[in-house]
Amino acid sequence: IWGCGEMEDTIQFLASLSVVLVFLGSVFSYFVLRPLYSAISELRITIRELRDDIKEHEARRHTMEIKLAEVDQSTRSAHHRLDTLEKGR
């Protein structure tokens, strides 16, 4: 069906097209995908750091809650003692 010259032209065209597409793919990968991968990697690191900070702050908050409860209990106890002393007068 095809002549010999037409097939050679088609094969040559497809080979040239393949070279161009590989080149464009490489350029796209270098200028688009590489920076994206780098940014994603940096975001992962930032997210890990934020998670660690959140855990640390949660631990501090929990400790402060315990201390606040102790201060509250101490204050109530002191008020109770003061009330008892005032009734004794």
N, C-alpha and C. Protein backbone atom coordinates (compact mmCIF):
# COMPACT_ATOMS: atom_id res chain seq x y z
N ILE A 1 0.84 -1.19 0.00
CA ILE A 1 0.00 0.00 0.00
C ILE A 1 0.88 1.24 0.00
N TRP A 2 1.82 1.25 0.90
CA TRP A 2 2.71 2.42 0.95
C TRP A 2 3.91 2.20 0.06
N GLY A 3 4.34 3.28 -0.49
CA GLY A 3 5.56 3.18 -1.27
C GLY A 3 6.75 3.20 -0.33
N CYS A 4 7.87 2.75 -0.81
CA CYS A 4 9.08 2.66 0.02
C CYS A 4 9.51 4.04 0.50
N GLY A 5 9.39 5.03 -0.33
CA GLY A 5 9.78 6.39 0.04
C GLY A 5 8.86 6.98 1.10
N GLU A 6 7.58 6.68 1.00
CA GLU A 6 6.63 7.20 1.99
C GLU A 6 6.89 6.61 3.37
N MET A 7 7.21 5.33 3.42
CA MET A 7 7.47 4.68 4.70
C MET A 7 8.75 5.24 5.34
N GLU A 8 9.75 5.45 4.51
CA GLU A 8 11.00 6.02 5.03
C GLU A 8 10.76 7.43 5.56
N ASP A 9 9.97 8.20 4.84
CA ASP A 9 9.65 9.56 5.30
C ASP A 9 8.88 9.52 6.62
N THR A 10 7.94 8.61 6.72
CA THR A 10 7.15 8.48 7.95
C THR A 10 8.04 8.06 9.12
N ILE A 11 8.90 7.11 8.90
CA ILE A 11 9.81 6.65 9.96
C ILE A 11 10.75 7.77 10.35
N GLN A 12 11.26 8.51 9.37
CA GLN A 12 12.16 9.63 9.67
C GLN A 12 11.41 10.71 10.45
N PHE A 13 10.17 10.98 10.04
CA PHE A 13 9.36 11.97 10.76
C PHE A 13 9.12 11.53 12.21
N LEU A 14 8.76 10.25 12.40
CA LEU A 14 8.50 9.74 13.75
C LEU A 14 9.77 9.75 14.61
N ALA A 15 10.89 9.46 14.00
CA ALA A 15 12.15 9.50 14.74
C ALA A 15 12.48 10.93 15.15
N SER A 16 12.29 11.87 14.23
CA SER A 16 12.54 13.28 14.56
C SER A 16 11.58 13.75 15.65
N LEU A 17 10.32 13.37 15.52
CA LEU A 17 9.32 13.73 16.50
C LEU A 17 9.68 13.15 17.87
N SER A 18 10.16 11.93 17.90
CA SER A 18 10.58 11.30 19.16
C SER A 18 11.71 12.06 19.81
N VAL A 19 12.69 12.47 19.01
CA VAL A 19 13.82 13.23 19.55
C VAL A 19 13.34 14.55 20.14
N VAL A 20 12.47 15.24 19.41
CA VAL A 20 11.95 16.52 19.89
C VAL A 20 11.15 16.32 21.18
N LEU A 21 10.31 15.29 21.22
CA LEU A 21 9.50 15.04 22.41
C LEU A 21 10.36 14.66 23.62
N VAL A 22 11.40 13.88 23.41
CA VAL A 22 12.31 13.54 24.50
C VAL A 22 13.01 14.79 25.00
N PHE A 23 13.45 15.63 24.08
CA PHE A 23 14.10 16.89 24.47
C PHE A 23 13.13 17.77 25.27
N LEU A 24 11.91 17.93 24.77
CA LEU A 24 10.93 18.75 25.48
C LEU A 24 10.59 18.15 26.85
N GLY A 25 10.51 16.83 26.92
CA GLY A 25 10.27 16.18 28.20
C GLY A 25 11.40 16.43 29.18
N SER A 26 12.62 16.41 28.69
CA SER A 26 13.77 16.68 29.55
C SER A 26 13.77 18.12 30.04
N VAL A 27 13.47 19.04 29.14
CA VAL A 27 13.41 20.46 29.51
C VAL A 27 12.30 20.67 30.54
N PHE A 28 11.14 20.09 30.29
CA PHE A 28 10.01 20.21 31.22
C PHE A 28 10.38 19.64 32.59
N SER A 29 11.01 18.49 32.57
CA SER A 29 11.42 17.86 33.83
C SER A 29 12.40 18.74 34.60
N TYR A 30 13.37 19.31 33.89
CA TYR A 30 14.40 20.11 34.54
C TYR A 30 13.85 21.43 35.06
N PHE A 31 13.04 22.11 34.27
CA PHE A 31 12.60 23.45 34.65
C PHE A 31 11.28 23.48 35.42
N VAL A 32 10.49 22.43 35.35
CA VAL A 32 9.19 22.43 36.03
C VAL A 32 9.15 21.41 37.16
N LEU A 33 9.43 20.16 36.83
CA LEU A 33 9.28 19.10 37.84
C LEU A 33 10.34 19.16 38.93
N ARG A 34 11.57 19.43 38.56
CA ARG A 34 12.64 19.49 39.56
C ARG A 34 12.37 20.55 40.63
N PRO A 35 12.02 21.78 40.28
CA PRO A 35 11.69 22.76 41.32
C PRO A 35 10.48 22.34 42.15
N LEU A 36 9.50 21.71 41.51
CA LEU A 36 8.32 21.24 42.27
C LEU A 36 8.71 20.18 43.28
N TYR A 37 9.52 19.23 42.88
CA TYR A 37 9.98 18.20 43.82
C TYR A 37 10.76 18.82 44.97
N SER A 38 11.58 19.81 44.65
CA SER A 38 12.34 20.49 45.69
C SER A 38 11.41 21.20 46.67
N ALA A 39 10.41 21.90 46.14
CA ALA A 39 9.45 22.62 46.99
C ALA A 39 8.66 21.64 47.85
N ILE A 40 8.26 20.54 47.29
CA ILE A 40 7.52 19.53 48.05
C ILE A 40 8.38 18.97 49.17
N SER A 41 9.64 18.73 48.88
CA SER A 41 10.55 18.23 49.89
C SER A 41 10.70 19.23 51.04
N GLU A 42 10.84 20.50 50.69
CA GLU A 42 10.96 21.53 51.72
C GLU A 42 9.67 21.65 52.53
N LEU A 43 8.54 21.50 51.89
CA LEU A 43 7.26 21.53 52.62
C LEU A 43 7.14 20.35 53.58
N ARG A 44 7.61 19.19 53.18
CA ARG A 44 7.59 18.02 54.08
C ARG A 44 8.42 18.30 55.33
N ILE A 45 9.59 18.89 55.13
CA ILE A 45 10.45 19.21 56.27
C ILE A 45 9.76 20.22 57.18
N THR A 46 9.15 21.24 56.58
CA THR A 46 8.45 22.27 57.37
C THR A 46 7.29 21.67 58.14
N ILE A 47 6.55 20.78 57.51
CA ILE A 47 5.42 20.13 58.18
C ILE A 47 5.91 19.29 59.36
N ARG A 48 6.99 18.55 59.17
CA ARG A 48 7.56 17.76 60.28
C ARG A 48 7.95 18.67 61.44
N GLU A 49 8.61 19.79 61.12
CA GLU A 49 9.02 20.73 62.17
C GLU A 49 7.81 21.30 62.89
N LEU A 50 6.75 21.64 62.13
CA LEU A 50 5.54 22.17 62.75
C LEU A 50 4.87 21.13 63.65
N ARG A 51 4.85 19.88 63.22
CA ARG A 51 4.29 18.81 64.06
C ARG A 51 5.07 18.70 65.37
N ASP A 52 6.39 18.76 65.27
CA ASP A 52 7.21 18.68 66.48
C ASP A 52 6.93 19.87 67.40
N ASP A 53 6.80 21.06 66.82
CA ASP A 53 6.49 22.25 67.61
C ASP A 53 5.13 22.12 68.29
N ILE A 54 4.15 21.61 67.55
CA ILE A 54 2.81 21.44 68.12
C ILE A 54 2.85 20.46 69.28
N LYS A 55 3.57 19.35 69.11
CA LYS A 55 3.68 18.37 70.20
C LYS A 55 4.33 19.01 71.44
N GLU A 56 5.38 19.79 71.21
CA GLU A 56 6.07 20.45 72.31
C GLU A 56 5.14 21.44 73.02
N HIS A 57 4.39 22.21 72.24
CA HIS A 57 3.46 23.19 72.84
C HIS A 57 2.33 22.49 73.59
N GLU A 58 1.87 21.36 73.06
CA GLU A 58 0.83 20.60 73.76
C GLU A 58 1.34 20.10 75.11
N ALA A 59 2.59 19.63 75.12
CA ALA A 59 3.18 19.16 76.37
C ALA A 59 3.29 20.31 77.37
N ARG A 60 3.73 21.47 76.89
CA ARG A 60 3.83 22.64 77.77
C ARG A 60 2.46 23.06 78.30
N ARG A 61 1.47 23.05 77.40
CA ARG A 61 0.12 23.44 77.80
C ARG A 61 -0.43 22.48 78.86
N HIS A 62 -0.18 21.21 78.68
CA HIS A 62 -0.63 20.22 79.65
C HIS A 62 0.03 20.46 81.01
N THR A 63 1.32 20.73 80.99
CA THR A 63 2.03 21.01 82.23
C THR A 63 1.47 22.27 82.90
N MET A 64 1.17 23.29 82.09
CA MET A 64 0.62 24.52 82.65
C MET A 64 -0.79 24.28 83.22
N GLU A 65 -1.57 23.42 82.59
CA GLU A 65 -2.90 23.09 83.11
C GLU A 65 -2.79 22.43 84.48
N ILE A 66 -1.83 21.53 84.62
CA ILE A 66 -1.63 20.86 85.91
C ILE A 66 -1.22 21.88 86.96
N LYS A 67 -0.28 22.74 86.62
CA LYS A 67 0.17 23.76 87.57
C LYS A 67 -0.96 24.71 87.92
N LEU A 68 -1.77 25.10 86.95
CA LEU A 68 -2.90 25.98 87.21
C LEU A 68 -3.91 25.32 88.13
N ALA A 69 -4.15 24.04 87.93
CA ALA A 69 -5.06 23.32 88.81
C ALA A 69 -4.51 23.28 90.24
N GLU A 70 -3.20 23.11 90.38
CA GLU A 70 -2.58 23.10 91.71
C GLU A 70 -2.71 24.47 92.36
N VAL A 71 -2.48 25.53 91.61
CA VAL A 71 -2.60 26.89 92.14
C VAL A 71 -4.06 27.16 92.54
N ASP A 72 -4.98 26.73 91.71
CA ASP A 72 -6.40 26.91 92.00
C ASP A 72 -6.77 26.20 93.30
N GLN A 73 -6.32 24.98 93.44
CA GLN A 73 -6.61 24.22 94.66
C GLN A 73 -5.98 24.89 95.87
N SER A 74 -4.76 25.37 95.72
CA SER A 74 -4.08 26.04 96.82
C SER A 74 -4.82 27.33 97.21
N THR A 75 -5.29 28.06 96.20
CA THR A 75 -6.03 29.29 96.47
C THR A 75 -7.34 28.99 97.20
N ARG A 76 -8.03 27.96 96.76
CA ARG A 76 -9.28 27.57 97.44
C ARG A 76 -9.01 27.18 98.89
N SER A 77 -7.93 26.45 99.08
CA SER A 77 -7.58 26.03 100.43
C SER A 77 -7.26 27.24 101.31
N ALA A 78 -6.53 28.19 100.74
CA ALA A 78 -6.18 29.40 101.49
C ALA A 78 -7.43 30.21 101.82
N HIS A 79 -8.34 30.33 100.89
CA HIS A 79 -9.60 31.04 101.15
C HIS A 79 -10.41 30.34 102.23
N HIS A 80 -10.40 29.03 102.20
CA HIS A 80 -11.13 28.27 103.21
C HIS A 80 -10.53 28.51 104.59
N ARG A 81 -9.21 28.51 104.66
CA ARG A 81 -8.55 28.78 105.95
C ARG A 81 -8.85 30.19 106.44
N LEU A 82 -8.82 31.15 105.49
CA LEU A 82 -9.14 32.53 105.87
C LEU A 82 -10.59 32.64 106.37
N ASP A 83 -11.50 31.98 105.67
CA ASP A 83 -12.90 32.00 106.11
C ASP A 83 -13.03 31.39 107.50
N THR A 84 -12.31 30.31 107.77
CA THR A 84 -12.36 29.67 109.08
C THR A 84 -11.81 30.60 110.15
N LEU A 85 -10.71 31.29 109.83
CA LEU A 85 -10.13 32.22 110.80
C LEU A 85 -11.06 33.39 111.10
N GLU A 86 -11.72 33.91 110.04
CA GLU A 86 -12.64 35.03 110.23
C GLU A 86 -13.85 34.60 111.05
N LYS A 87 -14.33 33.40 110.91
CA LYS A 87 -15.47 32.91 111.70
C LYS A 87 -15.08 32.73 113.17
N GLY A 88 -13.82 32.43 113.41
CA GLY A 88 -13.34 32.23 114.77
C GLY A 88 -13.18 33.50 115.54
N ARG A 89 -13.23 34.63 114.94
CA ARG A 89 -13.04 35.91 115.64
C ARG A 89 -14.19 36.25 116.46
